[in-house]
Amino acid sequence: MSGDEPQRITFSKKVDKDGRMVVPKEHRQALTIDGREALVEFEAKKITYLDEDDGGDE
């Protein structure tokens, strides 16, 4: 991987009822942004709702 190419890390993460999520420390460290301000691009896809018995995919 060249120095100019951004590192990609794939993970799934719970989003709270206010639409917030926390990037885990190990992912921040792997992206070399731990302890720094950074702009991080996310591509998001809803997988399931956690507050519905049937999964709520549809």
C-alpha atoms as a PDB file:
ATOM      1  CA  MET A   1       0.000   0.000   0.000  1.00  0.00           C
ATOM      2  CA  SER A   2       1.473   3.370  -0.963  1.00  0.00           C
ATOM      3  CA  GLY A   3       1.814   6.229   1.532  1.00  0.00           C
ATOM      4  CA  ASP A   4      -0.839   8.278  -0.323  1.00  0.00           C
ATOM      5  CA  GLU A   5      -3.475   5.543  -0.353  1.00  0.00           C
ATOM      6  CA  PRO A   6      -5.868   5.718   2.628  1.00  0.00           C
ATOM      7  CA  GLN A   7      -6.072   2.636   4.835  1.00  0.00           C
ATOM      8  CA  ARG A   8      -9.466   0.889   4.826  1.00  0.00           C
ATOM      9  CA  ILE A   9     -10.850  -0.840   7.893  1.00  0.00           C
ATOM     10  CA  THR A  10     -14.253  -2.526   7.840  1.00  0.00           C
ATOM     11  CA  PHE A  11     -16.270  -2.867  11.029  1.00  0.00           C
ATOM     12  CA  SER A  12     -19.863  -2.817  12.211  1.00  0.00           C
ATOM     13  CA  LYS A  13     -20.851  -0.597  15.089  1.00  0.00           C
ATOM     14  CA  LYS A  14     -23.997   0.098  17.089  1.00  0.00           C
ATOM     15  CA  VAL A  15     -25.521   3.563  16.566  1.00  0.00           C
ATOM     16  CA  ASP A  16     -27.437   4.972  19.534  1.00  0.00           C
ATOM     17  CA  LYS A  17     -30.941   6.479  19.389  1.00  0.00           C
ATOM     18  CA  ASP A  18     -29.411   9.925  18.752  1.00  0.00           C
ATOM     19  CA  GLY A  19     -27.528   8.607  15.700  1.00  0.00           C
ATOM     20  CA  ARG A  20     -24.123   8.601  17.397  1.00  0.00           C
ATOM     21  CA  MET A  21     -21.434   5.978  17.190  1.00  0.00           C
ATOM     22  CA  VAL A  22     -17.948   5.663  18.620  1.00  0.00           C
ATOM     23  CA  VAL A  23     -14.977   4.547  16.559  1.00  0.00           C
ATOM     24  CA  PRO A  24     -13.201   1.943  18.702  1.00  0.00           C
ATOM     25  CA  LYS A  25      -9.721   2.819  19.960  1.00  0.00           C
ATOM     26  CA  GLU A  26      -8.064  -0.025  18.045  1.00  0.00           C
ATOM     27  CA  HIS A  27      -9.566   1.278  14.782  1.00  0.00           C
ATOM     28  CA  ARG A  28      -8.489   4.857  15.566  1.00  0.00           C
ATOM     29  CA  GLN A  29      -4.978   3.565  16.236  1.00  0.00           C
ATOM     30  CA  ALA A  30      -4.932   1.492  13.036  1.00  0.00           C
ATOM     31  CA  LEU A  31      -6.014   4.551  11.043  1.00  0.00           C
ATOM     32  CA  THR A  32      -3.321   6.603  12.847  1.00  0.00           C
ATOM     33  CA  ILE A  33      -5.929   9.132  14.037  1.00  0.00           C
ATOM     34  CA  ASP A  34      -5.912   8.310  17.758  1.00  0.00           C
ATOM     35  CA  GLY A  35      -5.489  11.569  19.692  1.00  0.00           C
ATOM     36  CA  ARG A  36      -5.786  13.746  16.577  1.00  0.00           C
ATOM     37  CA  GLU A  37      -8.552  15.552  14.730  1.00  0.00           C
ATOM     38  CA  ALA A  38      -9.231  13.922  11.395  1.00  0.00           C
ATOM     39  CA  LEU A  39     -11.811  13.670   8.640  1.00  0.00           C
ATOM     40  CA  VAL A  40     -12.787  10.032   8.160  1.00  0.00           C
ATOM     41  CA  GLU A  41     -14.988   8.833   5.322  1.00  0.00           C
ATOM     42  CA  PHE A  42     -17.624   6.220   6.147  1.00  0.00           C
ATOM     43  CA  GLU A  43     -19.798   4.173   3.841  1.00  0.00           C
ATOM     44  CA  ALA A  44     -22.793   3.038   5.843  1.00  0.00           C
ATOM     45  CA  LYS A  45     -25.395   0.351   5.297  1.00  0.00           C
ATOM     46  CA  LYS A  46     -28.163  -0.409   7.802  1.00  0.00           C
ATOM     47  CA  ILE A  47     -27.959  -4.033   8.748  1.00  0.00           C
ATOM     48  CA  THR A  48     -30.747  -4.400  11.302  1.00  0.00           C
ATOM     49  CA  TYR A  49     -32.634  -2.553  14.000  1.00  0.00           C
ATOM     50  CA  LEU A  50     -31.733  -3.683  17.501  1.00  0.00           C
ATOM     51  CA  ASP A  51     -35.017  -2.560  19.103  1.00  0.00           C
ATOM     52  CA  GLU A  52     -37.358  -4.785  17.051  1.00  0.00           C
ATOM     53  CA  ASP A  53     -38.080  -8.451  17.659  1.00  0.00           C
ATOM     54  CA  ASP A  54     -38.205  -9.412  13.968  1.00  0.00           C
ATOM     55  CA  GLY A  55     -34.921  -7.725  13.048  1.00  0.00           C
ATOM     56  CA  GLY A  56     -36.669  -4.865  11.217  1.00  0.00           C
ATOM     57  CA  ASP A  57     -34.629  -5.195   8.032  1.00  0.00           C
ATOM     58  CA  GLU A  58     -37.408  -4.078   5.735  1.00  0.00           C
END
